[in-house]
Amino acid sequence: VRSTHVCMRLSLEVLPTKLLGSGTSSLTTSLLALVPRGTRVYLPSLPGDAPAAMGAVLAHLHASAPHVEPVPHIAASRVPSEAELLRRLDSWQEACSNQLSEVLVVRGDEGAHDTAAHGSPASPRPSGGPFATTLDLLESGALARRGVETVGLCGHPEGIGATVSTGEGIVHLKGKTAALRRAGQQPRIVTQICFDAERATGFVDALRAAEEEAPVSLGLVGPAKAQLLQRMALQCGVRPPPPATEPSELLERVAVWQRLRGQRHGAEAIHIYPFGGLRTTLQWLLRVEGEGVIGLAPPLEAGAKLWAGHE
């Protein structure tokens, strides 16, 4: 059994449809009951979602999985007006008994995967609403006025397509984190999926070299079929995984790097995209934790239920 002496927090990405769908809601909710208290559960906002869907998901989690911290996404360019944004935030706070303290803001290009390929912040697509970019929304002050204390931002270890290099992306990120700090809010950086551990961790090193101290959640993918990973890489605009990519090997490389950097200069959390299914992902995390590849702080709860055919 390896012991890396590395403990990191866990966050997960869960599609709202998995929590609202008649065939998946109870399973997803019961699986979330097994994750550590305080786990952030990020909830993407997709173009086809009903306007009231996010509020319904937040109310469901507040009632059925109150130990997790839901983080709804806001796609800035798809917000029709500031008044609608405030109304939406009010409804979300009502669904959470005024306990919602964190959101993640993306630009939300048409057709882009909500958590990944968001296009170039330097050349935004036209928007019918008031927020063409993430920074526009942050500087409106709407989030702070509705009790949002922490705002997640997207980091891109591979840059954004052919238009924005990794270095340019870091400059844009620093502009956003500075705007949040001026407003008295805390930034958090959540990175896009990356199948290259050195490139992913190198992005965090570059952030620290640029004197960016915001906590980072490093985006990784759990076990999934190779064809699915190839498809998601194409959809997200990142380099596809090499043949026979093993998520445990990537995680182990991240753990070695984290041990060398420490909490101050490394990442705060691993952010897992469970493309292969939440149950499979949690089983995998339980296994790598037991093998000493990495520790979760706090540790994964009630793991035996996952192996005992918990449905």
C-alpha atoms as a PDB file:
ATOM      1  CA  VAL A   1       0.000   0.000   0.000  1.00  0.00           C
ATOM      2  CA  ARG A   2       1.420   3.375  -1.049  1.00  0.00           C
ATOM      3  CA  SER A   3       1.208   6.361   1.243  1.00  0.00           C
ATOM      4  CA  THR A   4       1.638   9.725  -0.391  1.00  0.00           C
ATOM      5  CA  HIS A   5       0.760  11.668   2.794  1.00  0.00           C
ATOM      6  CA  VAL A   6      -1.397  13.882   0.578  1.00  0.00           C
ATOM      7  CA  CYS A   7      -4.931  14.871   1.505  1.00  0.00           C
ATOM      8  CA  MET A   8      -7.073  16.932  -0.828  1.00  0.00           C
ATOM      9  CA  ARG A   9     -10.706  17.942  -0.815  1.00  0.00           C
ATOM     10  CA  LEU A  10     -13.138  16.487  -3.313  1.00  0.00           C
ATOM     11  CA  SER A  11     -15.574  18.228  -5.594  1.00  0.00           C
ATOM     12  CA  LEU A  12     -17.836  16.683  -8.218  1.00  0.00           C
ATOM     13  CA  GLU A  13     -19.650  17.753 -11.363  1.00  0.00           C
ATOM     14  CA  VAL A  14     -23.229  16.454 -11.547  1.00  0.00           C
ATOM     15  CA  LEU A  15     -25.681  17.250 -14.326  1.00  0.00           C
ATOM     16  CA  PRO A  16     -28.982  18.644 -13.006  1.00  0.00           C
ATOM     17  CA  THR A  17     -30.826  16.183 -15.255  1.00  0.00           C
ATOM     18  CA  LYS A  18     -29.321  13.353 -13.176  1.00  0.00           C
ATOM     19  CA  LEU A  19     -30.967  14.817 -10.089  1.00  0.00           C
ATOM     20  CA  LEU A  20     -34.321  15.565 -11.697  1.00  0.00           C
ATOM     21  CA  GLY A  21     -34.752  12.640 -14.095  1.00  0.00           C
ATOM     22  CA  SER A  22     -37.289  10.031 -13.022  1.00  0.00           C
ATOM     23  CA  GLY A  23     -34.888   7.189 -13.800  1.00  0.00           C
ATOM     24  CA  THR A  24     -31.754   8.615 -12.170  1.00  0.00           C
ATOM     25  CA  SER A  25     -32.794  10.976  -9.375  1.00  0.00           C
ATOM     26  CA  SER A  26     -33.030   8.495  -6.500  1.00  0.00           C
ATOM     27  CA  LEU A  27     -29.796   6.693  -7.425  1.00  0.00           C
ATOM     28  CA  THR A  28     -27.805   9.903  -7.803  1.00  0.00           C
ATOM     29  CA  THR A  29     -29.155  11.312  -4.553  1.00  0.00           C
ATOM     30  CA  SER A  30     -28.400   8.108  -2.642  1.00  0.00           C
ATOM     31  CA  LEU A  31     -24.854   8.069  -3.993  1.00  0.00           C
ATOM     32  CA  LEU A  32     -24.309  11.692  -2.990  1.00  0.00           C
ATOM     33  CA  ALA A  33     -25.271  10.645   0.531  1.00  0.00           C
ATOM     34  CA  LEU A  34     -21.971   8.746   0.627  1.00  0.00           C
ATOM     35  CA  VAL A  35     -19.637  11.639  -0.202  1.00  0.00           C
ATOM     36  CA  PRO A  36     -17.845  13.586   2.541  1.00  0.00           C
ATOM     37  CA  ARG A  37     -19.628  16.420   4.306  1.00  0.00           C
ATOM     38  CA  GLY A  38     -18.817  19.731   2.659  1.00  0.00           C
ATOM     39  CA  THR A  39     -18.150  18.235  -0.783  1.00  0.00           C
ATOM     40  CA  ARG A  40     -18.869  20.870  -3.416  1.00  0.00           C
ATOM     41  CA  VAL A  41     -21.253  19.586  -6.084  1.00  0.00           C
ATOM     42  CA  TYR A  42     -21.067  21.713  -9.226  1.00  0.00           C
ATOM     43  CA  LEU A  43     -24.258  21.957 -11.269  1.00  0.00           C
ATOM     44  CA  PRO A  44     -23.765  22.938 -14.932  1.00  0.00           C
ATOM     45  CA  SER A  45     -26.198  25.224 -16.687  1.00  0.00           C
ATOM     46  CA  LEU A  46     -26.865  23.886 -20.172  1.00  0.00           C
ATOM     47  CA  PRO A  47     -28.616  25.800 -22.965  1.00  0.00           C
ATOM     48  CA  GLY A  48     -31.586  23.441 -23.129  1.00  0.00           C
ATOM     49  CA  ASP A  49     -32.364  23.458 -19.399  1.00  0.00           C
ATOM     50  CA  ALA A  50     -35.734  24.812 -18.269  1.00  0.00           C
ATOM     51  CA  PRO A  51     -35.424  28.184 -16.469  1.00  0.00           C
ATOM     52  CA  ALA A  52     -36.715  26.715 -13.192  1.00  0.00           C
ATOM     53  CA  ALA A  53     -34.538  23.582 -13.346  1.00  0.00           C
ATOM     54  CA  MET A  54     -31.656  24.871 -11.242  1.00  0.00           C
ATOM     55  CA  GLY A  55     -33.940  26.072  -8.462  1.00  0.00           C
ATOM     56  CA  ALA A  56     -35.615  22.664  -8.409  1.00  0.00           C
ATOM     57  CA  VAL A  57     -32.237  20.907  -8.163  1.00  0.00           C
ATOM     58  CA  LEU A  58     -31.082  23.181  -5.342  1.00  0.00           C
ATOM     59  CA  ALA A  59     -34.303  22.567  -3.402  1.00  0.00           C
ATOM     60  CA  HIS A  60     -33.903  18.820  -3.943  1.00  0.00           C
ATOM     61  CA  LEU A  61     -30.301  18.800  -2.682  1.00  0.00           C
ATOM     62  CA  HIS A  62     -31.170  21.022   0.270  1.00  0.00           C
ATOM     63  CA  ALA A  63     -33.821  18.523   1.348  1.00  0.00           C
ATOM     64  CA  SER A  64     -32.161  15.222   0.381  1.00  0.00           C
ATOM     65  CA  ALA A  65     -28.400  15.835   0.626  1.00  0.00           C
ATOM     66  CA  PRO A  66     -27.944  18.810   2.977  1.00  0.00           C
ATOM     67  CA  HIS A  67     -24.346  17.778   3.778  1.00  0.00           C
ATOM     68  CA  VAL A  68     -23.070  18.742   0.306  1.00  0.00           C
ATOM     69  CA  GLU A  69     -22.370  22.282  -0.897  1.00  0.00           C
ATOM     70  CA  PRO A  70     -24.178  22.898  -4.199  1.00  0.00           C
ATOM     71  CA  VAL A  71     -22.475  25.264  -6.644  1.00  0.00           C
ATOM     72  CA  PRO A  72     -24.782  26.272  -9.508  1.00  0.00           C
ATOM     73  CA  HIS A  73     -23.228  27.532 -12.726  1.00  0.00           C
ATOM     74  CA  ILE A  74     -24.189  30.816 -14.334  1.00  0.00           C
ATOM     75  CA  ALA A  75     -23.565  31.255 -18.067  1.00  0.00           C
ATOM     76  CA  ALA A  76     -22.980  35.013 -18.279  1.00  0.00           C
ATOM     77  CA  SER A  77     -23.738  35.516 -21.970  1.00  0.00           C
ATOM     78  CA  ARG A  78     -27.059  33.674 -21.662  1.00  0.00           C
ATOM     79  CA  VAL A  79     -28.447  35.919 -18.900  1.00  0.00           C
ATOM     80  CA  PRO A  80     -31.068  38.125 -20.571  1.00  0.00           C
ATOM     81  CA  SER A  81     -30.923  40.986 -18.064  1.00  0.00           C
ATOM     82  CA  GLU A  82     -29.525  41.965 -14.684  1.00  0.00           C
ATOM     83  CA  ALA A  83     -33.051  41.955 -13.281  1.00  0.00           C
ATOM     84  CA  GLU A  84     -33.469  38.334 -14.392  1.00  0.00           C
ATOM     85  CA  LEU A  85     -30.124  37.424 -12.808  1.00  0.00           C
ATOM     86  CA  LEU A  86     -31.236  38.941  -9.499  1.00  0.00           C
ATOM     87  CA  ARG A  87     -34.588  37.159  -9.721  1.00  0.00           C
ATOM     88  CA  ARG A  88     -32.803  33.877 -10.413  1.00  0.00           C
ATOM     89  CA  LEU A  89     -30.448  34.344  -7.463  1.00  0.00           C
ATOM     90  CA  ASP A  90     -33.390  35.180  -5.201  1.00  0.00           C
ATOM     91  CA  SER A  91     -35.145  31.955  -6.202  1.00  0.00           C
ATOM     92  CA  TRP A  92     -31.966  29.943  -5.624  1.00  0.00           C
ATOM     93  CA  GLN A  93     -31.525  31.430  -2.161  1.00  0.00           C
ATOM     94  CA  GLU A  94     -35.144  30.641  -1.351  1.00  0.00           C
ATOM     95  CA  ALA A  95     -34.581  27.034  -2.461  1.00  0.00           C
ATOM     96  CA  CYS A  96     -31.551  26.790  -0.159  1.00  0.00           C
ATOM     97  CA  SER A  97     -33.054  28.617   2.836  1.00  0.00           C
ATOM     98  CA  ASN A  98     -30.659  31.500   2.112  1.00  0.00           C
ATOM     99  CA  GLN A  99     -27.624  29.256   2.552  1.00  0.00           C
ATOM    100  CA  LEU A 100     -26.247  29.466  -1.007  1.00  0.00           C
ATOM    101  CA  SER A 101     -22.828  31.108  -0.738  1.00  0.00           C
ATOM    102  CA  GLU A 102     -21.009  30.006  -3.901  1.00  0.00           C
ATOM    103  CA  VAL A 103     -21.605  29.945  -7.649  1.00  0.00           C
ATOM    104  CA  LEU A 104     -19.405  29.321 -10.671  1.00  0.00           C
ATOM    105  CA  VAL A 105     -19.524  31.781 -13.554  1.00  0.00           C
ATOM    106  CA  VAL A 106     -18.694  30.827 -17.139  1.00  0.00           C
ATOM    107  CA  ARG A 107     -19.086  32.853 -20.285  1.00  0.00           C
ATOM    108  CA  GLY A 108     -21.419  30.295 -21.835  1.00  0.00           C
ATOM    109  CA  ASP A 109     -20.758  30.352 -25.559  1.00  0.00           C
ATOM    110  CA  GLU A 110     -23.454  28.912 -27.793  1.00  0.00           C
ATOM    111  CA  GLY A 111     -22.873  25.197 -28.207  1.00  0.00           C
ATOM    112  CA  ALA A 112     -19.883  25.042 -25.870  1.00  0.00           C
ATOM    113  CA  HIS A 113     -19.624  22.516 -23.066  1.00  0.00           C
ATOM    114  CA  ASP A 114     -20.537  24.531 -20.003  1.00  0.00           C
ATOM    115  CA  THR A 115     -17.524  23.583 -17.908  1.00  0.00           C
ATOM    116  CA  ALA A 116     -14.866  23.499 -20.564  1.00  0.00           C
ATOM    117  CA  ALA A 117     -14.487  25.259 -23.916  1.00  0.00           C
ATOM    118  CA  HIS A 118     -15.813  28.749 -23.354  1.00  0.00           C
ATOM    119  CA  GLY A 119     -14.152  30.564 -26.215  1.00  0.00           C
ATOM    120  CA  SER A 120     -11.797  33.504 -26.090  1.00  0.00           C
ATOM    121  CA  PRO A 121     -12.377  36.126 -23.410  1.00  0.00           C
ATOM    122  CA  ALA A 122     -10.655  38.606 -25.722  1.00  0.00           C
ATOM    123  CA  SER A 123     -13.154  38.145 -28.564  1.00  0.00           C
ATOM    124  CA  PRO A 124     -16.543  37.248 -27.109  1.00  0.00           C
ATOM    125  CA  ARG A 125     -19.454  36.277 -29.279  1.00  0.00           C
ATOM    126  CA  PRO A 126     -22.329  38.748 -29.457  1.00  0.00           C
ATOM    127  CA  SER A 127     -24.712  38.516 -26.513  1.00  0.00           C
ATOM    128  CA  GLY A 128     -28.302  39.631 -26.417  1.00  0.00           C
ATOM    129  CA  GLY A 129     -28.005  40.371 -22.693  1.00  0.00           C
ATOM    130  CA  PRO A 130     -25.901  42.781 -20.655  1.00  0.00           C
ATOM    131  CA  PHE A 131     -23.022  40.367 -19.934  1.00  0.00           C
ATOM    132  CA  ALA A 132     -20.865  39.505 -22.940  1.00  0.00           C
ATOM    133  CA  THR A 133     -18.128  38.145 -20.681  1.00  0.00           C
ATOM    134  CA  THR A 134     -17.687  36.650 -17.242  1.00  0.00           C
ATOM    135  CA  LEU A 135     -15.976  39.841 -16.082  1.00  0.00           C
ATOM    136  CA  ASP A 136     -19.013  41.919 -17.108  1.00  0.00           C
ATOM    137  CA  LEU A 137     -21.182  39.893 -14.763  1.00  0.00           C
ATOM    138  CA  LEU A 138     -18.666  39.968 -11.906  1.00  0.00           C
ATOM    139  CA  GLU A 139     -18.332  43.746 -12.100  1.00  0.00           C
ATOM    140  CA  SER A 140     -22.109  44.252 -11.995  1.00  0.00           C
ATOM    141  CA  GLY A 141     -22.092  43.483  -8.270  1.00  0.00           C
ATOM    142  CA  ALA A 142     -25.246  41.381  -8.588  1.00  0.00           C
ATOM    143  CA  LEU A 143     -23.713  38.305  -6.982  1.00  0.00           C
ATOM    144  CA  ALA A 144     -22.526  40.159  -3.893  1.00  0.00           C
ATOM    145  CA  ARG A 145     -25.917  41.827  -3.504  1.00  0.00           C
ATOM    146  CA  ARG A 146     -27.523  38.404  -3.251  1.00  0.00           C
ATOM    147  CA  GLY A 147     -25.198  36.925  -0.652  1.00  0.00           C
ATOM    148  CA  VAL A 148     -22.703  35.093  -2.867  1.00  0.00           C
ATOM    149  CA  GLU A 149     -19.383  35.075  -1.011  1.00  0.00           C
ATOM    150  CA  THR A 150     -17.259  32.816  -3.224  1.00  0.00           C
ATOM    151  CA  VAL A 151     -17.206  32.735  -7.025  1.00  0.00           C
ATOM    152  CA  GLY A 152     -15.712  29.921  -9.052  1.00  0.00           C
ATOM    153  CA  LEU A 153     -13.879  30.730 -12.278  1.00  0.00           C
ATOM    154  CA  CYS A 154     -12.734  28.414 -15.048  1.00  0.00           C
ATOM    155  CA  GLY A 155      -9.047  27.716 -15.590  1.00  0.00           C
ATOM    156  CA  HIS A 156      -7.746  26.279 -18.866  1.00  0.00           C
ATOM    157  CA  PRO A 157      -4.464  24.356 -18.583  1.00  0.00           C
ATOM    158  CA  GLU A 158      -4.314  23.999 -22.373  1.00  0.00           C
ATOM    159  CA  GLY A 159      -5.427  27.517 -23.185  1.00  0.00           C
ATOM    160  CA  ILE A 160      -8.619  28.140 -25.145  1.00  0.00           C
ATOM    161  CA  GLY A 161      -8.465  26.734 -28.634  1.00  0.00           C
ATOM    162  CA  ALA A 162      -6.093  28.527 -30.985  1.00  0.00           C
ATOM    163  CA  THR A 163      -7.044  31.984 -29.767  1.00  0.00           C
ATOM    164  CA  VAL A 164      -5.915  32.225 -26.139  1.00  0.00           C
ATOM    165  CA  SER A 165      -2.667  30.753 -24.837  1.00  0.00           C
ATOM    166  CA  THR A 166      -2.325  29.393 -21.325  1.00  0.00           C
ATOM    167  CA  GLY A 167      -0.385  32.493 -20.314  1.00  0.00           C
ATOM    168  CA  GLU A 168      -2.990  34.850 -21.760  1.00  0.00           C
ATOM    169  CA  GLY A 169      -5.692  32.882 -19.978  1.00  0.00           C
ATOM    170  CA  ILE A 170      -3.901  33.392 -16.668  1.00  0.00           C
ATOM    171  CA  VAL A 171      -3.788  37.147 -17.286  1.00  0.00           C
ATOM    172  CA  HIS A 172      -7.564  37.132 -17.884  1.00  0.00           C
ATOM    173  CA  LEU A 173      -8.080  35.041 -14.745  1.00  0.00           C
ATOM    174  CA  LYS A 174      -6.087  37.461 -12.622  1.00  0.00           C
ATOM    175  CA  GLY A 175      -8.299  40.292 -13.849  1.00  0.00           C
ATOM    176  CA  LYS A 176     -11.362  38.392 -12.664  1.00  0.00           C
ATOM    177  CA  THR A 177      -9.916  37.400  -9.285  1.00  0.00           C
ATOM    178  CA  ALA A 178      -8.874  41.018  -8.719  1.00  0.00           C
ATOM    179  CA  ALA A 179     -12.425  42.202  -9.470  1.00  0.00           C
ATOM    180  CA  LEU A 180     -13.838  39.716  -6.968  1.00  0.00           C
ATOM    181  CA  ARG A 181     -11.412  40.730  -4.244  1.00  0.00           C
ATOM    182  CA  ARG A 182     -12.255  44.402  -4.774  1.00  0.00           C
ATOM    183  CA  ALA A 183     -15.901  43.454  -4.175  1.00  0.00           C
ATOM    184  CA  GLY A 184     -15.016  41.603  -0.973  1.00  0.00           C
ATOM    185  CA  GLN A 185     -15.610  38.165  -2.514  1.00  0.00           C
ATOM    186  CA  GLN A 186     -13.359  35.130  -2.617  1.00  0.00           C
ATOM    187  CA  PRO A 187     -12.323  33.583  -5.952  1.00  0.00           C
ATOM    188  CA  ARG A 188     -11.886  29.886  -6.604  1.00  0.00           C
ATOM    189  CA  ILE A 189     -10.394  28.443  -9.804  1.00  0.00           C
ATOM    190  CA  VAL A 190     -11.789  25.188 -11.198  1.00  0.00           C
ATOM    191  CA  THR A 191      -9.839  23.770 -14.106  1.00  0.00           C
ATOM    192  CA  GLN A 192     -11.041  22.230 -17.310  1.00  0.00           C
ATOM    193  CA  ILE A 193     -10.496  18.515 -17.839  1.00  0.00           C
ATOM    194  CA  CYS A 194      -6.947  17.632 -18.818  1.00  0.00           C
ATOM    195  CA  PHE A 195      -5.524  14.195 -19.580  1.00  0.00           C
ATOM    196  CA  ASP A 196      -1.921  15.292 -19.058  1.00  0.00           C
ATOM    197  CA  ALA A 197      -0.969  15.459 -15.374  1.00  0.00           C
ATOM    198  CA  GLU A 198       2.155  17.547 -16.036  1.00  0.00           C
ATOM    199  CA  ARG A 199       0.214  20.090 -18.071  1.00  0.00           C
ATOM    200  CA  ALA A 200      -2.567  20.281 -15.447  1.00  0.00           C
ATOM    201  CA  THR A 201      -0.193  20.740 -12.516  1.00  0.00           C
ATOM    202  CA  GLY A 202       2.031  23.033 -14.573  1.00  0.00           C
ATOM    203  CA  PHE A 203      -0.957  25.342 -14.950  1.00  0.00           C
ATOM    204  CA  VAL A 204      -1.197  25.642 -11.162  1.00  0.00           C
ATOM    205  CA  ASP A 205       2.555  26.279 -10.980  1.00  0.00           C
ATOM    206  CA  ALA A 206       2.126  29.061 -13.539  1.00  0.00           C
ATOM    207  CA  LEU A 207      -0.710  30.579 -11.503  1.00  0.00           C
ATOM    208  CA  ARG A 208       1.465  30.611  -8.386  1.00  0.00           C
ATOM    209  CA  ALA A 209       4.401  32.067 -10.327  1.00  0.00           C
ATOM    210  CA  ALA A 210       2.023  34.856 -11.402  1.00  0.00           C
ATOM    211  CA  GLU A 211       1.260  35.463  -7.695  1.00  0.00           C
ATOM    212  CA  GLU A 212      -2.295  34.162  -7.960  1.00  0.00           C
ATOM    213  CA  GLU A 213      -3.183  32.671  -4.582  1.00  0.00           C
ATOM    214  CA  ALA A 214      -6.801  31.642  -5.211  1.00  0.00           C
ATOM    215  CA  PRO A 215      -7.549  28.034  -4.233  1.00  0.00           C
ATOM    216  CA  VAL A 216      -7.544  25.681  -7.207  1.00  0.00           C
ATOM    217  CA  SER A 217      -9.705  22.616  -7.820  1.00  0.00           C
ATOM    218  CA  LEU A 218      -7.853  20.495 -10.362  1.00  0.00           C
ATOM    219  CA  GLY A 219     -10.151  19.004 -12.992  1.00  0.00           C
ATOM    220  CA  LEU A 220      -9.671  15.276 -13.565  1.00  0.00           C
ATOM    221  CA  VAL A 221     -11.773  12.529 -15.098  1.00  0.00           C
ATOM    222  CA  GLY A 222     -12.739   9.293 -13.399  1.00  0.00           C
ATOM    223  CA  PRO A 223     -12.944   5.897 -15.103  1.00  0.00           C
ATOM    224  CA  ALA A 224     -14.867   5.872 -18.384  1.00  0.00           C
ATOM    225  CA  LYS A 225     -14.829   4.094 -21.729  1.00  0.00           C
ATOM    226  CA  ALA A 226     -12.125   5.265 -24.127  1.00  0.00           C
ATOM    227  CA  GLN A 227     -14.625   6.289 -26.812  1.00  0.00           C
ATOM    228  CA  LEU A 228     -16.515   8.456 -24.346  1.00  0.00           C
ATOM    229  CA  LEU A 229     -13.324  10.174 -23.193  1.00  0.00           C
ATOM    230  CA  GLN A 230     -12.323  10.838 -26.802  1.00  0.00           C
ATOM    231  CA  ARG A 231     -15.736  12.347 -27.488  1.00  0.00           C
ATOM    232  CA  MET A 232     -15.637  14.544 -24.381  1.00  0.00           C
ATOM    233  CA  ALA A 233     -12.129  15.743 -25.225  1.00  0.00           C
ATOM    234  CA  LEU A 234     -13.357  16.802 -28.672  1.00  0.00           C
ATOM    235  CA  GLN A 235     -16.423  18.515 -27.194  1.00  0.00           C
ATOM    236  CA  CYS A 236     -14.322  20.355 -24.609  1.00  0.00           C
ATOM    237  CA  GLY A 237     -11.582  21.362 -27.027  1.00  0.00           C
ATOM    238  CA  VAL A 238      -8.727  19.612 -25.190  1.00  0.00           C
ATOM    239  CA  ARG A 239      -6.095  17.109 -26.293  1.00  0.00           C
ATOM    240  CA  PRO A 240      -7.533  13.592 -26.313  1.00  0.00           C
ATOM    241  CA  PRO A 241      -6.246  11.063 -23.794  1.00  0.00           C
ATOM    242  CA  PRO A 242      -3.404   8.816 -24.946  1.00  0.00           C
ATOM    243  CA  PRO A 243      -4.298   5.152 -25.549  1.00  0.00           C
ATOM    244  CA  ALA A 244      -4.800   3.093 -22.391  1.00  0.00           C
ATOM    245  CA  THR A 245      -5.003   6.168 -20.188  1.00  0.00           C
ATOM    246  CA  GLU A 246      -5.460   5.127 -16.569  1.00  0.00           C
ATOM    247  CA  PRO A 247      -7.122   7.713 -14.312  1.00  0.00           C
ATOM    248  CA  SER A 248      -5.317   6.249 -11.288  1.00  0.00           C
ATOM    249  CA  GLU A 249      -1.929   6.966 -12.889  1.00  0.00           C
ATOM    250  CA  LEU A 250      -2.914  10.584 -13.551  1.00  0.00           C
ATOM    251  CA  LEU A 251      -4.138  10.947  -9.993  1.00  0.00           C
ATOM    252  CA  GLU A 252      -0.939   9.470  -8.597  1.00  0.00           C
ATOM    253  CA  ARG A 253       1.163  11.973 -10.565  1.00  0.00           C
ATOM    254  CA  VAL A 254      -0.994  14.777  -9.208  1.00  0.00           C
ATOM    255  CA  ALA A 255      -0.512  13.414  -5.679  1.00  0.00           C
ATOM    256  CA  VAL A 256       3.292  13.335  -6.067  1.00  0.00           C
ATOM    257  CA  TRP A 257       3.263  16.921  -7.315  1.00  0.00           C
ATOM    258  CA  GLN A 258       0.930  18.023  -4.505  1.00  0.00           C
ATOM    259  CA  ARG A 259       3.217  16.503  -1.884  1.00  0.00           C
ATOM    260  CA  LEU A 260       6.155  18.483  -3.290  1.00  0.00           C
ATOM    261  CA  ARG A 261       4.232  21.766  -3.512  1.00  0.00           C
ATOM    262  CA  GLY A 262       2.262  21.586  -0.276  1.00  0.00           C
ATOM    263  CA  GLN A 263      -1.128  23.156   0.346  1.00  0.00           C
ATOM    264  CA  ARG A 264      -0.021  26.738  -0.129  1.00  0.00           C
ATOM    265  CA  HIS A 265       1.513  26.309  -3.583  1.00  0.00           C
ATOM    266  CA  GLY A 266      -0.444  23.298  -4.822  1.00  0.00           C
ATOM    267  CA  ALA A 267      -4.139  22.664  -5.356  1.00  0.00           C
ATOM    268  CA  GLU A 268      -6.840  22.600  -2.706  1.00  0.00           C
ATOM    269  CA  ALA A 269      -9.034  19.935  -4.271  1.00  0.00           C
ATOM    270  CA  ILE A 270      -9.476  17.420  -7.026  1.00  0.00           C
ATOM    271  CA  HIS A 271     -12.516  18.208  -9.132  1.00  0.00           C
ATOM    272  CA  ILE A 272     -13.852  15.027 -10.690  1.00  0.00           C
ATOM    273  CA  TYR A 273     -15.918  14.881 -13.859  1.00  0.00           C
ATOM    274  CA  PRO A 274     -17.732  11.504 -13.517  1.00  0.00           C
ATOM    275  CA  PHE A 275     -18.260  10.833 -17.230  1.00  0.00           C
ATOM    276  CA  GLY A 276     -18.289   7.094 -16.553  1.00  0.00           C
ATOM    277  CA  GLY A 277     -21.075   7.411 -13.988  1.00  0.00           C
ATOM    278  CA  LEU A 278     -21.164   8.618 -10.401  1.00  0.00           C
ATOM    279  CA  ARG A 279     -21.273   5.142  -8.858  1.00  0.00           C
ATOM    280  CA  THR A 280     -18.247   3.952 -10.864  1.00  0.00           C
ATOM    281  CA  THR A 281     -16.405   7.149 -10.006  1.00  0.00           C
ATOM    282  CA  LEU A 282     -17.032   6.837  -6.272  1.00  0.00           C
ATOM    283  CA  GLN A 283     -15.990   3.185  -6.309  1.00  0.00           C
ATOM    284  CA  TRP A 284     -12.751   4.217  -8.000  1.00  0.00           C
ATOM    285  CA  LEU A 285     -12.103   6.997  -5.486  1.00  0.00           C
ATOM    286  CA  LEU A 286     -12.705   4.598  -2.623  1.00  0.00           C
ATOM    287  CA  ARG A 287     -10.210   2.165  -4.132  1.00  0.00           C
ATOM    288  CA  VAL A 288      -7.419   4.703  -4.791  1.00  0.00           C
ATOM    289  CA  GLU A 289      -7.916   6.127  -1.308  1.00  0.00           C
ATOM    290  CA  GLY A 290      -7.585   2.660   0.191  1.00  0.00           C
ATOM    291  CA  GLU A 291      -4.445   2.023  -1.880  1.00  0.00           C
ATOM    292  CA  GLY A 292      -2.843   5.180  -0.531  1.00  0.00           C
ATOM    293  CA  VAL A 293      -2.684   6.938  -3.893  1.00  0.00           C
ATOM    294  CA  ILE A 294      -4.339   9.992  -2.363  1.00  0.00           C
ATOM    295  CA  GLY A 295      -6.339  10.857   0.708  1.00  0.00           C
ATOM    296  CA  LEU A 296      -9.624  12.734   0.741  1.00  0.00           C
ATOM    297  CA  ALA A 297     -10.179  15.243   3.498  1.00  0.00           C
ATOM    298  CA  PRO A 298     -12.530  14.255   4.987  1.00  0.00           C
ATOM    299  CA  PRO A 299     -12.367  10.637   3.773  1.00  0.00           C
ATOM    300  CA  LEU A 300     -15.023   9.015   1.617  1.00  0.00           C
ATOM    301  CA  GLU A 301     -17.873   7.868   3.872  1.00  0.00           C
ATOM    302  CA  ALA A 302     -19.681   4.526   3.997  1.00  0.00           C
ATOM    303  CA  GLY A 303     -17.581   3.082   1.179  1.00  0.00           C
ATOM    304  CA  ALA A 304     -18.625  -0.498   1.909  1.00  0.00           C
ATOM    305  CA  LYS A 305     -22.109   0.294   0.636  1.00  0.00           C
ATOM    306  CA  LEU A 306     -20.711   1.087  -2.800  1.00  0.00           C
ATOM    307  CA  TRP A 307     -19.143  -2.339  -3.079  1.00  0.00           C
ATOM    308  CA  ALA A 308     -22.174  -4.085  -1.633  1.00  0.00           C
ATOM    309  CA  GLY A 309     -24.351  -3.282  -4.632  1.00  0.00           C
ATOM    310  CA  HIS A 310     -25.752  -0.060  -3.193  1.00  0.00           C
ATOM    311  CA  GLU A 311     -28.311   1.199  -5.718  1.00  0.00           C
END
